[in-house]
N, C-alpha and C. Protein backbone atom coordinates (compact mmCIF):
# COMPACT_ATOMS: atom_id res chain seq x y z
N UNK A 1 155.42 180.55 208.68
CA UNK A 1 156.32 179.99 209.82
C UNK A 1 155.82 180.06 211.22
N UNK A 2 155.98 179.34 212.25
CA UNK A 2 155.37 179.44 213.31
C UNK A 2 156.48 180.09 214.43
N UNK A 3 155.95 180.24 215.70
CA UNK A 3 157.02 180.86 216.78
C UNK A 3 158.16 179.90 216.89
N UNK A 4 157.98 178.84 217.09
CA UNK A 4 159.19 177.71 217.28
C UNK A 4 160.20 177.78 215.97
N UNK A 5 159.69 177.79 214.87
CA UNK A 5 160.46 178.01 213.76
C UNK A 5 161.49 179.14 213.83
N UNK A 6 160.66 180.47 214.24
CA UNK A 6 161.48 181.68 214.50
C UNK A 6 162.35 181.67 215.37
N UNK A 7 162.10 181.14 216.66
CA UNK A 7 163.15 181.06 217.35
C UNK A 7 164.54 180.28 217.32
N UNK A 8 164.14 179.04 216.60
CA UNK A 8 165.20 178.25 216.11
C UNK A 8 166.15 179.09 215.14
N UNK A 9 165.54 179.67 214.35
CA UNK A 9 166.42 180.58 213.19
C UNK A 9 167.00 181.65 213.90
N UNK A 10 166.63 182.18 214.84
CA UNK A 10 167.23 183.20 215.62
C UNK A 10 168.54 182.86 216.37
N UNK A 11 168.17 181.46 216.81
CA UNK A 11 169.57 180.83 217.53
C UNK A 11 170.53 180.50 216.75
N UNK A 12 170.42 179.98 215.37
CA UNK A 12 171.39 179.74 214.49
C UNK A 12 172.24 180.86 214.06
N UNK A 13 171.91 181.98 214.25
CA UNK A 13 172.47 183.25 213.72
C UNK A 13 173.93 183.38 214.73
N UNK A 14 174.87 183.09 214.06
CA UNK A 14 176.27 183.20 215.09
C UNK A 14 177.00 184.39 214.33
N UNK A 15 177.60 185.31 215.11
CA UNK A 15 178.30 186.34 214.71
C UNK A 15 179.65 185.75 214.98
N UNK A 16 180.60 185.39 213.89
CA UNK A 16 181.83 184.85 213.76
C UNK A 16 182.84 185.74 214.53
N UNK A 17 182.52 187.08 214.42
CA UNK A 17 183.64 188.02 214.99
C UNK A 17 183.30 187.97 216.58
N UNK A 18 181.98 187.85 217.07
CA UNK A 18 181.61 187.98 218.55
C UNK A 18 182.18 186.51 218.91
N UNK A 19 181.94 185.54 218.29
CA UNK A 19 182.53 184.23 218.82
C UNK A 19 183.76 184.19 218.91
N UNK A 20 184.59 184.82 217.96
CA UNK A 20 186.30 184.66 218.16
C UNK A 20 186.66 185.51 219.34
N UNK A 21 185.96 186.61 219.70
CA UNK A 21 186.33 187.36 220.78
C UNK A 21 185.91 186.41 222.27
N UNK A 22 184.84 185.95 222.10
CA UNK A 22 184.18 185.07 223.38
C UNK A 22 185.25 183.84 223.71
N UNK A 23 185.61 183.44 222.51
CA UNK A 23 186.68 182.24 222.78
C UNK A 23 187.76 182.72 223.32
N UNK A 24 188.29 183.86 223.05
CA UNK A 24 189.55 184.35 223.72
C UNK A 24 189.11 184.74 224.99
N UNK A 25 188.00 185.28 225.38
CA UNK A 25 187.83 185.53 226.79
C UNK A 25 187.51 184.40 227.59
N UNK A 26 186.92 183.40 227.06
CA UNK A 26 186.59 181.87 227.76
C UNK A 26 187.77 180.89 227.71
N UNK A 27 188.82 181.39 227.25
CA UNK A 27 189.74 180.37 227.18
C UNK A 27 190.66 180.24 228.63
N UNK A 28 191.17 179.09 228.64
CA UNK A 28 191.52 178.99 230.25
C UNK A 28 192.99 179.41 230.15
N UNK A 29 193.57 179.59 231.32
CA UNK A 29 195.15 179.96 231.38
C UNK A 29 195.88 179.07 230.77
N UNK A 30 195.66 177.94 230.45
CA UNK A 30 196.61 176.99 229.78
C UNK A 30 196.82 177.55 228.19
N UNK A 31 196.20 178.20 227.74
CA UNK A 31 196.25 179.03 226.53
C UNK A 31 197.52 180.02 226.68
N UNK A 32 198.36 180.06 225.86
CA UNK A 32 199.50 180.92 225.96
C UNK A 32 199.13 182.39 225.84
N UNK A 33 200.00 183.35 226.44
CA UNK A 33 199.81 184.59 226.03
C UNK A 33 199.93 185.29 224.76
N UNK A 34 200.86 184.53 224.29
CA UNK A 34 201.00 184.90 222.72
C UNK A 34 199.93 184.50 221.90
N UNK A 35 199.01 183.45 222.17
CA UNK A 35 198.15 182.98 221.28
C UNK A 35 197.04 184.01 221.59
N UNK A 36 196.74 184.38 222.85
CA UNK A 36 195.69 185.43 223.26
C UNK A 36 196.00 186.84 222.38
N UNK A 37 197.22 187.29 222.47
CA UNK A 37 197.71 188.45 221.95
C UNK A 37 197.45 188.45 220.57
N UNK A 38 197.76 187.47 219.91
CA UNK A 38 197.52 187.13 218.38
C UNK A 38 196.19 187.25 218.00
N UNK A 39 195.32 186.53 218.81
CA UNK A 39 193.83 186.75 218.59
C UNK A 39 193.30 187.97 218.73
N UNK A 40 193.52 188.69 219.76
CA UNK A 40 193.00 190.16 219.89
C UNK A 40 193.63 191.11 218.98
N UNK A 41 195.03 190.90 218.30
CA UNK A 41 195.46 191.69 217.52
C UNK A 41 194.82 191.49 216.08
N UNK A 42 194.27 190.21 215.81
CA UNK A 42 193.62 189.86 214.62
C UNK A 42 192.26 190.46 214.68
N UNK A 43 191.77 190.47 215.80
CA UNK A 43 190.21 190.95 215.83
C UNK A 43 190.26 192.68 215.74
N UNK A 44 191.23 193.13 216.21
CA UNK A 44 191.76 194.67 216.09
C UNK A 44 191.82 195.03 214.72
N UNK A 45 192.74 194.03 213.92
CA UNK A 45 192.84 194.56 212.46
C UNK A 45 191.61 194.28 211.76
N UNK A 46 190.57 193.83 212.03
CA UNK A 46 189.50 193.33 211.18
C UNK A 46 188.91 194.73 210.57
N UNK A 47 188.27 194.85 209.60
CA UNK A 47 187.88 195.95 208.85
C UNK A 47 186.24 196.32 209.34
N UNK A 48 185.72 195.55 210.16
CA UNK A 48 184.41 196.01 210.70
C UNK A 48 184.48 197.12 211.75
N UNK A 49 183.37 197.96 211.24
CA UNK A 49 183.14 199.08 212.22
C UNK A 49 181.79 199.19 212.85
N UNK A 50 181.16 198.16 212.91
CA UNK A 50 179.86 198.42 213.48
C UNK A 50 179.82 198.39 215.01
N UNK A 51 178.63 198.53 215.58
CA UNK A 51 178.70 198.76 217.08
C UNK A 51 179.25 197.66 217.85
N UNK A 52 179.01 196.60 217.50
CA UNK A 52 179.44 195.45 218.26
C UNK A 52 181.00 195.22 217.92
N UNK A 53 181.43 195.44 216.96
CA UNK A 53 182.79 195.28 216.48
C UNK A 53 183.70 196.45 217.08
N UNK A 54 183.03 197.69 217.28
CA UNK A 54 183.67 198.76 217.90
C UNK A 54 183.98 198.29 219.30
N UNK A 55 182.98 198.01 219.97
CA UNK A 55 183.11 197.56 221.41
C UNK A 55 184.17 196.47 221.63
N UNK A 56 184.00 195.46 220.91
CA UNK A 56 185.00 194.30 220.82
C UNK A 56 186.45 194.84 220.73
N UNK A 57 186.68 195.71 219.62
CA UNK A 57 187.87 196.27 219.42
C UNK A 57 188.58 197.10 220.65
N UNK A 58 187.52 197.89 221.31
CA UNK A 58 187.99 198.70 222.44
C UNK A 58 188.31 197.60 223.55
N UNK A 59 187.62 196.53 223.87
CA UNK A 59 188.14 195.50 224.84
C UNK A 59 189.50 194.86 224.35
N UNK A 60 189.66 194.72 222.96
CA UNK A 60 190.92 194.09 222.35
C UNK A 60 191.98 195.19 223.03
N UNK A 61 192.01 196.20 222.77
CA UNK A 61 193.00 197.27 223.02
C UNK A 61 193.27 197.10 224.59
N UNK A 62 192.19 197.18 225.56
CA UNK A 62 192.41 197.08 226.88
C UNK A 62 193.18 195.70 227.17
N UNK A 63 192.92 194.60 226.65
CA UNK A 63 193.43 193.43 226.78
C UNK A 63 194.71 193.43 226.41
N UNK A 64 195.25 193.86 225.21
CA UNK A 64 196.65 193.82 224.80
C UNK A 64 197.36 194.93 225.70
N UNK A 65 196.87 195.87 225.94
CA UNK A 65 197.61 196.70 226.70
C UNK A 65 198.07 196.11 228.09
N UNK A 66 197.10 195.30 228.76
CA UNK A 66 197.21 194.58 230.04
C UNK A 66 198.15 193.57 229.75
N UNK A 67 198.17 192.84 228.70
CA UNK A 67 198.99 191.47 228.41
C UNK A 67 200.46 192.20 228.33
N UNK A 68 200.53 193.12 227.25
CA UNK A 68 201.98 193.78 227.12
C UNK A 68 202.57 194.45 228.25
N UNK A 69 201.66 195.16 229.23
CA UNK A 69 202.36 195.56 230.50
C UNK A 69 202.70 194.77 231.35
N UNK A 70 201.88 193.55 231.54
CA UNK A 70 202.21 192.36 232.48
C UNK A 70 203.64 191.98 232.05
N UNK A 71 203.87 191.95 230.76
CA UNK A 71 205.11 191.14 230.15
C UNK A 71 206.36 192.01 230.17
N UNK A 72 205.97 193.39 230.51
CA UNK A 72 207.11 194.52 230.67
C UNK A 72 207.32 195.12 229.26
N UNK A 73 206.37 194.64 228.29
CA UNK A 73 206.60 195.32 226.84
C UNK A 73 205.98 196.71 226.64
N UNK A 74 206.60 197.67 227.41
CA UNK A 74 205.96 199.02 227.59
C UNK A 74 205.85 199.90 226.10
N UNK A 75 206.98 199.49 225.26
CA UNK A 75 207.18 200.08 224.01
C UNK A 75 206.07 199.29 223.15
N UNK A 76 205.79 198.40 223.39
CA UNK A 76 204.57 197.72 222.56
C UNK A 76 203.15 198.40 223.04
N UNK A 77 203.04 198.55 224.21
CA UNK A 77 202.05 199.35 224.64
C UNK A 77 201.76 200.66 223.89
N UNK A 78 203.01 201.38 224.08
CA UNK A 78 202.81 202.81 223.23
C UNK A 78 202.66 202.39 221.89
N UNK A 79 203.33 201.48 221.12
CA UNK A 79 203.03 201.49 219.73
C UNK A 79 201.59 200.99 219.33
N UNK A 80 201.07 200.40 220.15
CA UNK A 80 199.56 199.78 220.19
C UNK A 80 198.74 201.18 220.25
N UNK A 81 198.90 202.10 221.16
CA UNK A 81 198.12 203.24 221.39
C UNK A 81 198.37 204.25 220.39
N UNK A 82 199.52 204.30 219.96
CA UNK A 82 199.91 205.22 218.79
C UNK A 82 199.58 204.69 217.36
N UNK A 83 199.68 203.50 217.05
CA UNK A 83 199.57 202.92 215.67
C UNK A 83 198.23 202.54 215.28
N UNK A 84 198.01 201.02 215.67
CA UNK A 84 196.90 200.44 215.23
C UNK A 84 195.50 201.08 215.61
N UNK A 85 195.52 201.29 216.92
CA UNK A 85 194.37 201.74 217.29
C UNK A 85 193.90 203.28 217.00
N UNK A 86 195.03 204.02 216.46
CA UNK A 86 194.60 205.55 215.89
C UNK A 86 193.60 205.46 215.10
N UNK A 87 193.30 204.63 214.07
CA UNK A 87 192.19 204.66 213.16
C UNK A 87 190.80 204.30 213.98
N UNK A 88 191.03 203.38 214.84
CA UNK A 88 190.03 202.90 215.70
C UNK A 88 189.29 204.09 216.48
N UNK A 89 190.28 204.89 217.28
CA UNK A 89 190.00 206.11 217.86
C UNK A 89 189.33 207.11 217.13
N UNK A 90 189.69 207.04 215.86
CA UNK A 90 189.07 208.29 214.99
C UNK A 90 187.61 208.08 214.65
N UNK A 91 187.21 206.69 214.68
CA UNK A 91 185.98 206.23 214.22
C UNK A 91 185.02 206.52 215.45
N UNK A 92 185.64 206.08 216.68
CA UNK A 92 185.10 206.24 217.98
C UNK A 92 184.52 207.66 218.09
């Protein structure tokens, strides 16, 4: 295998979890808040716990807290911090 083939193979490896997070982050304001919240929630609920996934899950918590706070859903913010992310904080 030559160097060009190795580079092509490396470029083809796409982490779907990271790609899903990047798509949420890069989406325009035309996307609804509900759509983004559902995406962040789905990523947060994923069973992955490797280093990349943990960093993304931490960012998802930040984004969800921000979106819920902007919408005045403070009970949802507290539920998020107490509930779903409790297991994540235990891993971190």
